[in-house]
Amino acid sequence: MIRSLYSKFTFTTILIMLLSGITAFLLSNIYYQMILKPYNDQKNTMIAQEMVDYVKVHPELTLDSYLDHLAAVGYQFYLTDGQQEQFYGKAFRETNLAPEDVQMVLNGATFHGMQQFPHAFFVTGFFANELKNTIGVPLTYEEKPYALFMRPDIKLLFNEMHLLFGSMLFITILLSILFVLIGVKLLTNPIKKLTSATFELAQGNFNIQLDINRKDEIGELAQSFTQMANQLEQLEELRKQLISNISHDIQSPLSNIKGYTSLLAQPTLSDEQKLYYTDIINKEVLRLSMLTKQILLLASLEQEEQPLKKQTFSLSEQLKQVLRQYQWNMEEKGIMADYQLASTDFYGDPTQLYAVWDNIISNAVKYNIEGGYVKVSLTDKPSHVEIRIGNSGVGINKADLSRIFERFYRADTARSRTVEGTGLGLSIAMTIVHLHQGRIYAKSEKEADTEITVELPKQKNVPLP
């Protein structure tokens, strides 16, 4: 039972070729038997008669020399007076001429051997090098009657062969096109349904049901299409949620800026109050700026507008640099930094990977507790490097743990602003890690420690298994 579309197409094409070839061959044989063979007989009869007439007009010719000359040009001859016989040119494969046919020509009649050559399923008249497949004409030389039988060399039949093979080719192509159109129509009906469903999908209708029950590639395509429609519906919901999140994250600082700007317009404010309000406005502006920068960075990473600029650099020194950057924040909260960084060189994009450590460590500091700790370890393994960044703190619920890498997702469902953030840092980190063909995952529990692990392959362009 043929199931795959490739097998069906192959079987259909071969069947079409066979049917077209057989049909064209039969029609070409009919064309040969009915048209080409009589024409070929008539043409060669005229040529043979012209040869005899030329001998009659030029009695001074030496018959042997004349026939030898014509044989060299490309003819085969058999000359007999009923007693003696002579062949000129290429030898006949079979000398199966009947004595009564010879006698008929000696008596002055013309022998149409090409026309009378037996009908056969194959086109044999052009190729049968037999004495009975000739034209026989009477010839008088030096007042003695002869019977001259001739057939041209196959090279002289090229014009007829062109017609024959041209007709075969034309009929084959014509029938092939016809059968292919019929076959393709049957094969492409499901594709038309898919095309119609695609149009519906483009109009925003994600609830599509395809009545295509096949066991080949088209059936698999229909199933994949249905799955894609379901995924697009989920993505549409995520898009709406994303717009809602962005609107909220932008509206909140804008509202604060508007409110404190109105307060600054009051003439009774003291200088201390003006500085306080101005500082709040500047923080909200920085918050907006950071949000837009991270949105643009995430969009460019996902669209690969910024290809990775890989080079070999010291990964351990980079992690130390990020830790030093947050040293004053940790000292301010009494957080102890504990790190074990094996001296490791790594081939990757240092700028993008810096953003990974910056986002993860900044979260480890922001969501920490007074007097807590931040632990960073770097282990150089045979196939990859492993970076673990852990912190004490409030922890993350199991329900939230699987979503912390989503864009704009923050575990504080009430969306409190006790800890500032955009909800994009871990999403950016995950995107960059995936561009390096690595893995990132988190372990945590509510009111417990949190640890994020990043694994990056050491071999160039080889993802982790």
Protein backbone atom coordinates (compact mmCIF):
# COMPACT_ATOMS: atom_id res chain seq x y z
CA MET A 1 0.00 0.00 0.00
CA ILE A 2 1.56 3.27 -1.17
CA ARG A 3 1.15 5.96 1.46
CA SER A 4 3.82 8.64 1.09
CA LEU A 5 3.25 11.47 -1.34
CA TYR A 6 6.70 10.85 -2.83
CA SER A 7 5.80 7.22 -3.56
CA LYS A 8 2.44 8.20 -5.00
CA PHE A 9 3.97 10.84 -7.21
CA THR A 10 6.72 8.46 -8.34
CA PHE A 11 4.25 5.69 -9.11
CA THR A 12 1.92 8.09 -10.92
CA THR A 13 4.73 9.63 -12.98
CA ILE A 14 6.13 6.24 -14.01
CA LEU A 15 2.64 5.04 -14.93
CA ILE A 16 2.05 8.19 -16.99
CA MET A 17 5.38 7.74 -18.77
CA LEU A 18 4.63 4.11 -19.56
CA LEU A 19 1.11 4.83 -20.82
CA SER A 20 2.31 7.81 -22.85
CA GLY A 21 5.24 5.90 -24.31
CA ILE A 22 3.17 2.84 -25.26
CA THR A 23 0.37 4.95 -26.74
CA ALA A 24 2.79 7.14 -28.67
CA PHE A 25 4.65 4.05 -29.95
CA LEU A 26 1.43 2.45 -31.19
CA LEU A 27 0.29 5.65 -32.89
CA SER A 28 3.72 6.14 -34.45
CA ASN A 29 3.64 2.59 -35.85
CA ILE A 30 0.24 3.26 -37.36
CA TYR A 31 1.58 6.49 -38.84
CA TYR A 32 4.56 4.60 -40.28
CA GLN A 33 2.53 1.75 -41.76
CA MET A 34 -0.11 4.00 -43.28
CA ILE A 35 1.88 7.04 -44.41
CA LEU A 36 5.65 6.79 -44.13
CA LYS A 37 6.12 3.33 -45.61
CA PRO A 38 4.15 4.02 -48.86
CA TYR A 39 5.93 7.36 -49.16
CA ASN A 40 9.31 5.70 -48.66
CA ASP A 41 8.49 3.06 -51.29
CA GLN A 42 7.38 5.69 -53.80
CA LYS A 43 10.43 7.85 -53.24
CA ASN A 44 12.89 4.99 -53.66
CA THR A 45 11.03 3.75 -56.75
CA MET A 46 11.58 7.16 -58.36
CA ILE A 47 15.29 7.09 -57.41
CA ALA A 48 15.73 3.57 -58.87
CA GLN A 49 13.93 4.57 -62.06
CA GLU A 50 16.15 7.62 -62.43
CA MET A 51 19.23 5.39 -62.12
CA VAL A 52 17.89 3.08 -64.89
CA ASP A 53 17.01 6.06 -67.10
CA TYR A 54 20.49 7.45 -66.64
CA VAL A 55 22.01 4.16 -67.87
CA LYS A 56 19.65 4.20 -70.83
CA VAL A 57 20.65 7.78 -71.76
CA HIS A 58 24.35 7.06 -71.31
CA PRO A 59 25.03 3.70 -72.98
CA GLU A 60 28.76 4.39 -72.89
CA LEU A 61 28.80 3.90 -69.12
CA THR A 62 30.42 0.88 -67.60
CA LEU A 63 27.63 -0.63 -65.55
CA ASP A 64 29.91 -2.09 -62.88
CA SER A 65 31.71 1.23 -62.37
CA TYR A 66 28.42 3.13 -62.26
CA LEU A 67 26.88 0.86 -59.67
CA ASP A 68 30.09 0.81 -57.64
CA HIS A 69 30.01 4.61 -57.64
CA LEU A 70 26.39 4.69 -56.47
CA ALA A 71 27.15 2.10 -53.80
CA ALA A 72 29.94 4.29 -52.48
CA VAL A 73 27.46 7.15 -52.21
CA GLY A 74 25.26 5.03 -49.93
CA TYR A 75 23.17 2.45 -51.82
CA GLN A 76 22.97 -1.32 -51.88
CA PHE A 77 22.36 -3.16 -55.17
CA TYR A 78 21.57 -6.62 -56.40
CA LEU A 79 21.92 -7.13 -60.18
CA THR A 80 20.91 -10.32 -61.96
CA ASP A 81 20.01 -11.50 -65.44
CA GLY A 82 18.33 -14.61 -64.14
CA GLN A 83 21.51 -16.69 -64.45
CA GLN A 84 24.32 -14.65 -62.96
CA GLU A 85 24.11 -12.23 -60.05
CA GLN A 86 26.24 -9.44 -58.57
CA PHE A 87 26.05 -7.41 -55.34
CA TYR A 88 27.26 -3.83 -54.92
CA GLY A 89 27.74 -1.85 -51.71
CA LYS A 90 27.04 -3.05 -48.22
CA ALA A 91 26.05 -6.70 -48.03
CA PHE A 92 22.44 -7.62 -47.37
CA ARG A 93 21.75 -9.35 -44.08
CA GLU A 94 19.40 -11.77 -45.81
CA THR A 95 19.22 -12.60 -49.53
CA ASN A 96 15.71 -14.01 -49.28
CA LEU A 97 14.28 -12.78 -52.57
CA ALA A 98 11.79 -15.14 -54.25
CA PRO A 99 12.68 -16.34 -57.83
CA GLU A 100 9.24 -15.28 -59.08
CA ASP A 101 9.93 -11.71 -57.94
CA VAL A 102 13.16 -11.70 -59.94
CA GLN A 103 11.38 -13.04 -62.96
CA MET A 104 8.65 -10.41 -62.59
CA VAL A 105 11.21 -7.62 -62.83
CA LEU A 106 13.00 -9.28 -65.76
CA ASN A 107 9.62 -9.30 -67.50
CA GLY A 108 9.45 -5.46 -67.12
CA ALA A 109 7.44 -4.97 -63.92
CA THR A 110 8.47 -3.05 -60.82
CA PHE A 111 8.97 -4.85 -57.52
CA HIS A 112 7.66 -2.82 -54.54
CA GLY A 113 9.40 -4.73 -51.76
CA MET A 114 9.36 -1.81 -49.32
CA GLN A 115 5.61 -1.39 -49.66
CA GLN A 116 5.00 -5.14 -49.43
CA PHE A 117 7.38 -5.75 -46.56
CA PRO A 118 5.42 -7.70 -43.91
CA HIS A 119 3.53 -5.65 -41.33
CA ALA A 120 4.98 -6.00 -37.88
CA PHE A 121 4.37 -4.51 -34.47
CA PHE A 122 7.70 -2.70 -34.57
CA VAL A 123 8.91 -0.13 -37.06
CA THR A 124 11.13 -2.53 -39.01
CA GLY A 125 10.80 -1.26 -42.56
CA PHE A 126 13.39 1.43 -42.07
CA PHE A 127 15.98 -0.91 -40.65
CA ALA A 128 15.44 -4.38 -42.18
CA ASN A 129 18.51 -4.92 -44.37
CA GLU A 130 16.91 -7.71 -46.40
CA LEU A 131 16.87 -8.27 -50.13
CA LYS A 132 13.10 -8.56 -50.20
CA ASN A 133 12.89 -5.08 -48.56
CA THR A 134 14.07 -3.37 -51.77
CA ILE A 135 12.80 -1.73 -54.93
CA GLY A 136 13.27 -3.81 -58.09
CA VAL A 137 13.25 -2.20 -61.56
CA PRO A 138 14.01 -3.63 -65.03
CA LEU A 139 17.26 -2.45 -66.63
CA THR A 140 18.52 -2.98 -70.19
CA TYR A 141 22.26 -2.78 -70.70
CA GLU A 142 23.97 -3.61 -73.98
CA GLU A 143 20.64 -4.96 -75.22
CA LYS A 144 20.49 -7.47 -72.39
CA PRO A 145 17.69 -7.44 -69.74
CA TYR A 146 18.59 -7.25 -66.07
CA ALA A 147 16.73 -6.96 -62.81
CA LEU A 148 18.15 -4.24 -60.51
CA PHE A 149 17.15 -4.31 -56.88
CA MET A 150 18.18 -1.39 -54.66
CA ARG A 151 17.68 0.11 -51.25
CA PRO A 152 19.38 3.20 -49.86
CA ASP A 153 21.71 3.23 -46.94
CA ILE A 154 19.97 4.04 -43.63
CA LYS A 155 21.62 7.45 -43.58
CA LEU A 156 19.38 8.57 -46.43
CA LEU A 157 16.34 7.85 -44.28
CA PHE A 158 17.19 10.47 -41.66
CA ASN A 159 14.49 12.82 -42.87
CA GLU A 160 11.81 10.16 -42.38
CA MET A 161 13.32 9.18 -39.05
CA HIS A 162 13.12 12.77 -37.91
CA LEU A 163 9.44 12.78 -38.73
CA LEU A 164 8.95 9.47 -36.98
CA PHE A 165 10.78 10.33 -33.79
CA GLY A 166 9.45 13.89 -33.86
CA SER A 167 5.90 12.56 -33.91
CA MET A 168 6.72 10.11 -31.11
CA LEU A 169 8.20 12.88 -28.99
CA PHE A 170 5.32 15.28 -29.63
CA ILE A 171 2.66 12.67 -28.84
CA THR A 172 4.56 11.58 -25.72
CA ILE A 173 4.84 15.13 -24.42
CA LEU A 174 1.22 15.90 -25.23
CA LEU A 175 -0.10 12.79 -23.51
CA SER A 176 2.27 13.26 -20.57
CA ILE A 177 0.99 16.79 -20.00
CA LEU A 178 -2.60 15.60 -20.21
CA PHE A 179 -2.12 12.72 -17.79
CA VAL A 180 -0.01 14.82 -15.42
CA LEU A 181 -2.72 17.48 -15.28
CA ILE A 182 -5.29 14.85 -14.36
CA GLY A 183 -3.00 13.18 -11.81
CA VAL A 184 -1.86 16.42 -10.20
CA LYS A 185 -5.45 17.61 -9.89
CA LEU A 186 -6.27 14.52 -7.86
CA LEU A 187 -3.17 14.95 -5.71
CA THR A 188 -3.59 18.67 -5.09
CA ASN A 189 -7.23 18.78 -3.96
CA PRO A 190 -6.14 18.54 -0.30
CA ILE A 191 -3.60 21.30 -0.90
CA LYS A 192 -6.43 23.54 -2.11
CA LYS A 193 -8.19 22.91 1.17
CA LEU A 194 -5.01 23.88 2.98
CA THR A 195 -4.77 27.04 0.89
CA SER A 196 -8.33 27.99 1.80
CA ALA A 197 -7.59 27.29 5.45
CA THR A 198 -4.47 29.48 5.21
CA PHE A 199 -6.62 32.34 3.93
CA GLU A 200 -8.99 31.87 6.87
CA LEU A 201 -6.01 31.86 9.21
CA ALA A 202 -4.73 35.11 7.67
CA GLN A 203 -8.14 36.67 8.40
CA GLY A 204 -7.69 35.86 12.08
CA ASN A 205 -9.85 32.74 12.25
CA PHE A 206 -7.76 30.33 14.32
CA ASN A 207 -10.54 27.79 14.89
CA ILE A 208 -9.93 25.71 11.76
CA GLN A 209 -10.87 22.09 11.26
CA LEU A 210 -9.51 20.29 8.17
CA ASP A 211 -11.34 17.22 6.86
CA ILE A 212 -8.17 15.70 5.43
CA ASN A 213 -7.67 12.13 6.58
CA ARG A 214 -4.59 10.86 4.79
CA LYS A 215 -1.60 8.78 5.80
CA ASP A 216 0.97 10.54 3.62
CA GLU A 217 2.89 13.83 3.82
CA ILE A 218 -0.23 15.87 3.01
CA GLY A 219 -2.00 14.29 5.99
CA GLU A 220 0.99 15.16 8.18
CA LEU A 221 0.94 18.69 6.75
CA ALA A 222 -2.74 19.03 7.63
CA GLN A 223 -2.05 17.91 11.20
CA SER A 224 0.88 20.31 11.45
CA PHE A 225 -1.30 23.09 10.07
CA THR A 226 -3.96 22.44 12.73
CA GLN A 227 -1.29 22.47 15.43
CA MET A 228 0.11 25.69 14.01
CA ALA A 229 -3.35 27.29 14.10
CA ASN A 230 -3.68 26.33 17.78
CA GLN A 231 -0.22 27.71 18.55
CA LEU A 232 -1.01 30.93 16.70
CA GLU A 233 -4.17 31.27 18.79
CA GLN A 234 -2.05 30.91 21.93
CA LEU A 235 0.46 33.43 20.56
CA GLU A 236 -2.36 35.86 19.88
CA GLU A 237 -3.39 35.59 23.52
CA LEU A 238 0.23 36.13 24.55
CA ARG A 239 0.41 39.14 22.24
CA LYS A 240 -2.62 40.69 23.87
CA GLN A 241 -1.16 39.97 27.30
CA LEU A 242 2.18 41.43 26.19
CA ILE A 243 0.52 44.64 25.00
CA SER A 244 -1.32 44.84 28.32
CA ASN A 245 1.93 44.36 30.25
CA ILE A 246 3.84 46.92 28.18
CA SER A 247 0.99 49.41 28.52
CA HIS A 248 0.99 48.94 32.30
CA ASP A 249 4.77 49.21 32.63
CA ILE A 250 4.83 52.37 30.51
CA GLN A 251 1.70 53.95 31.97
CA SER A 252 2.89 53.64 35.56
CA PRO A 253 6.07 55.77 35.24
CA LEU A 254 4.29 58.20 32.90
CA SER A 255 1.58 58.73 35.50
CA ASN A 256 4.21 59.35 38.16
CA ILE A 257 6.08 61.78 35.92
CA LYS A 258 2.85 63.64 35.16
CA GLY A 259 1.86 63.79 38.82
CA TYR A 260 5.20 65.02 40.13
CA THR A 261 5.51 67.48 37.25
CA SER A 262 2.21 69.02 38.37
CA LEU A 263 3.50 69.17 41.93
CA LEU A 264 6.65 70.98 40.75
CA ALA A 265 4.42 73.68 39.25
CA GLN A 266 3.22 74.71 42.75
CA PRO A 267 4.85 78.02 43.77
CA THR A 268 4.88 77.18 47.49
CA LEU A 269 7.30 74.24 47.19
CA SER A 270 10.54 74.38 49.10
CA ASP A 271 13.87 73.70 47.42
CA GLU A 272 14.11 70.40 49.29
CA GLN A 273 10.71 69.29 47.97
CA LYS A 274 11.62 70.34 44.41
CA LEU A 275 14.83 68.27 44.55
CA TYR A 276 12.89 65.30 45.92
CA TYR A 277 10.24 65.46 43.18
CA THR A 278 12.88 66.02 40.47
CA ASP A 279 14.80 62.97 41.70
CA ILE A 280 11.65 60.84 41.46
CA ILE A 281 10.97 62.11 37.92
CA ASN A 282 14.55 61.28 36.89
CA LYS A 283 14.22 57.75 38.29
CA GLU A 284 10.98 57.21 36.39
CA VAL A 285 12.62 58.52 33.19
CA LEU A 286 15.52 56.10 33.70
CA ARG A 287 13.02 53.34 34.31
CA LEU A 288 11.28 54.11 31.02
CA SER A 289 14.62 54.31 29.22
CA MET A 290 15.72 50.94 30.60
CA LEU A 291 12.39 49.40 29.63
CA THR A 292 12.57 50.60 26.00
CA LYS A 293 16.21 49.56 25.67
CA GLN A 294 15.46 46.06 26.93
CA ILE A 295 12.42 45.73 24.64
CA LEU A 296 14.53 46.75 21.64
CA LEU A 297 17.36 44.41 22.69
CA LEU A 298 14.99 41.46 23.10
CA ALA A 299 13.34 42.17 19.74
CA SER A 300 16.69 42.39 17.94
CA LEU A 301 17.90 39.17 19.55
CA GLU A 302 14.78 37.24 18.59
CA GLN A 303 14.93 38.56 15.03
CA GLU A 304 18.71 37.95 14.86
CA GLU A 305 19.27 41.53 13.75
CA GLN A 306 22.39 41.50 15.92
CA PRO A 307 24.36 38.37 15.03
CA LEU A 308 26.71 37.03 17.65
CA LYS A 309 30.23 38.44 17.47
CA LYS A 310 32.12 35.53 18.94
CA GLN A 311 35.67 35.64 20.23
CA THR A 312 37.73 33.94 22.90
CA PHE A 313 37.69 35.77 26.23
CA SER A 314 38.13 35.08 29.95
CA LEU A 315 34.72 34.07 31.27
CA SER A 316 35.93 33.99 34.87
CA GLU A 317 37.22 37.58 34.67
CA GLN A 318 33.93 38.71 33.13
CA LEU A 319 31.93 37.24 36.02
CA LYS A 320 34.25 38.96 38.52
CA GLN A 321 33.72 42.23 36.69
CA VAL A 322 29.93 41.93 36.99
CA LEU A 323 30.22 41.08 40.70
CA ARG A 324 32.42 44.14 41.29
CA GLN A 325 29.78 46.25 39.54
CA TYR A 326 27.20 45.25 42.19
CA GLN A 327 29.57 45.32 45.12
CA TRP A 328 28.25 48.60 46.52
CA ASN A 329 24.63 47.38 46.23
CA MET A 330 25.52 44.24 48.17
CA GLU A 331 27.42 46.18 50.83
CA GLU A 332 24.46 48.51 51.21
CA LYS A 333 22.18 45.53 52.00
CA GLY A 334 24.82 43.62 53.93
CA ILE A 335 24.92 40.85 51.33
CA MET A 336 27.95 38.59 51.29
CA ALA A 337 29.41 37.58 47.92
CA ASP A 338 30.78 34.05 47.67
CA TYR A 339 32.27 32.96 44.38
CA GLN A 340 34.38 30.07 43.11
CA LEU A 341 35.46 30.80 39.55
CA ALA A 342 37.80 28.43 37.79
CA SER A 343 40.06 30.24 35.36
CA THR A 344 38.23 29.60 32.08
CA ASP A 345 38.52 30.94 28.54
CA PHE A 346 35.37 30.70 26.43
CA TYR A 347 34.50 31.26 22.77
CA GLY A 348 31.34 33.38 22.55
CA ASP A 349 29.96 36.89 22.31
CA PRO A 350 31.36 38.70 25.40
CA THR A 351 28.98 41.66 25.11
CA GLN A 352 25.84 39.52 24.96
CA LEU A 353 27.01 37.13 27.69
CA TYR A 354 27.81 40.11 29.93
CA ALA A 355 24.12 41.03 29.68
CA VAL A 356 23.22 37.48 30.83
CA TRP A 357 25.30 37.70 34.03
CA ASP A 358 24.24 41.31 34.60
CA ASN A 359 20.53 40.44 34.49
CA ILE A 360 20.83 37.30 36.65
CA ILE A 361 23.13 38.84 39.30
CA SER A 362 21.08 42.05 39.45
CA ASN A 363 18.00 39.92 40.21
CA ALA A 364 20.00 37.97 42.83
CA VAL A 365 20.80 41.27 44.57
CA LYS A 366 17.38 42.94 44.16
CA TYR A 367 15.38 39.97 45.42
CA ASN A 368 17.75 39.22 48.31
CA ILE A 369 17.26 39.82 52.02
CA GLU A 370 19.23 41.95 54.44
CA GLY A 371 22.37 40.08 55.46
CA GLY A 372 21.88 37.43 52.79
CA TYR A 373 24.35 36.06 50.29
CA VAL A 374 25.04 35.68 46.54
CA LYS A 375 26.93 32.60 45.39
CA VAL A 376 28.52 32.35 41.95
CA SER A 377 30.42 29.28 40.69
CA LEU A 378 32.08 28.54 37.36
CA THR A 379 32.98 24.95 36.51
CA ASP A 380 34.91 23.98 33.39
CA LYS A 381 33.54 20.60 32.23
CA PRO A 382 34.70 18.49 29.23
CA SER A 383 31.81 19.41 26.93
CA HIS A 384 30.58 22.66 28.45
CA VAL A 385 31.02 25.32 31.08
CA GLU A 386 28.53 25.51 33.94
CA ILE A 387 27.69 28.76 35.74
CA ARG A 388 25.56 28.66 38.90
CA ILE A 389 24.23 31.88 40.43
CA GLY A 390 22.35 31.43 43.70
CA ASN A 391 20.99 33.79 46.32
CA SER A 392 19.14 33.79 49.58
CA GLY A 393 15.81 35.58 49.53
CA VAL A 394 12.09 35.30 49.18
CA GLY A 395 12.24 32.37 46.77
CA ILE A 396 9.82 31.55 43.94
CA ASN A 397 6.67 29.43 43.95
CA LYS A 398 6.73 26.28 41.84
CA ALA A 399 3.81 27.64 39.83
CA ASP A 400 5.83 30.76 38.99
CA LEU A 401 9.15 28.96 38.48
CA SER A 402 8.25 27.69 35.00
CA ARG A 403 7.28 31.19 33.83
CA ILE A 404 10.09 33.39 35.12
CA PHE A 405 11.76 33.37 31.68
CA GLU A 406 8.64 34.74 29.96
CA ARG A 407 8.64 38.36 28.83
CA PHE A 408 7.19 40.81 31.39
CA TYR A 409 6.37 38.01 33.81
CA ARG A 410 7.00 38.86 37.45
CA ALA A 411 6.27 36.52 40.32
CA ASP A 412 4.59 39.26 42.35
CA THR A 413 1.17 38.76 40.80
CA ALA A 414 -0.18 41.91 42.44
CA ARG A 415 2.46 43.72 40.38
CA SER A 416 3.76 45.63 43.36
CA ARG A 417 6.64 47.96 42.76
CA THR A 418 8.47 47.27 45.99
CA VAL A 419 11.27 45.91 43.78
CA GLU A 420 11.86 47.76 40.55
CA GLY A 421 12.19 45.79 37.35
CA THR A 422 10.84 45.31 33.85
CA GLY A 423 10.28 41.56 33.81
CA LEU A 424 12.51 41.28 30.72
CA GLY A 425 15.91 40.48 32.22
CA LEU A 426 15.59 36.70 32.43
CA SER A 427 13.87 36.54 29.03
CA ILE A 428 16.85 38.38 27.51
CA ALA A 429 19.25 36.05 29.34
CA MET A 430 17.45 32.95 28.05
CA THR A 431 17.45 34.26 24.45
CA ILE A 432 21.20 34.95 24.51
CA VAL A 433 21.95 31.54 26.07
CA HIS A 434 19.88 29.82 23.37
CA LEU A 435 21.72 31.78 20.66
CA HIS A 436 24.89 30.24 22.10
CA GLN A 437 23.12 26.83 21.85
CA GLY A 438 23.18 26.46 25.63
CA ARG A 439 20.66 25.81 28.42
CA ILE A 440 19.31 27.88 31.31
CA TYR A 441 17.07 26.71 34.13
CA ALA A 442 16.16 27.66 37.70
CA LYS A 443 15.59 25.90 41.03
CA SER A 444 13.74 27.53 43.90
CA GLU A 445 10.97 27.26 46.46
CA LYS A 446 8.89 29.82 48.32
CA GLU A 447 10.81 31.36 51.23
CA ALA A 448 13.93 29.46 50.16
CA ASP A 449 17.12 29.94 48.15
CA THR A 450 17.02 30.45 44.37
CA GLU A 451 19.64 29.13 41.96
CA ILE A 452 19.87 29.74 38.21
CA THR A 453 22.16 27.49 36.17
CA VAL A 454 23.57 28.30 32.74
CA GLU A 455 25.30 25.66 30.62
CA LEU A 456 27.21 26.75 27.51
CA PRO A 457 28.79 24.30 25.01
CA LYS A 458 32.54 24.66 24.54
CA GLN A 459 32.66 23.21 21.02
CA LYS A 460 31.92 25.71 18.27
CA ASN A 461 28.45 25.41 16.67
CA VAL A 462 27.64 22.19 18.55
CA PRO A 463 24.54 22.43 20.78
CA LEU A 464 24.30 20.60 24.08
CA PRO A 465 22.60 17.19 23.86
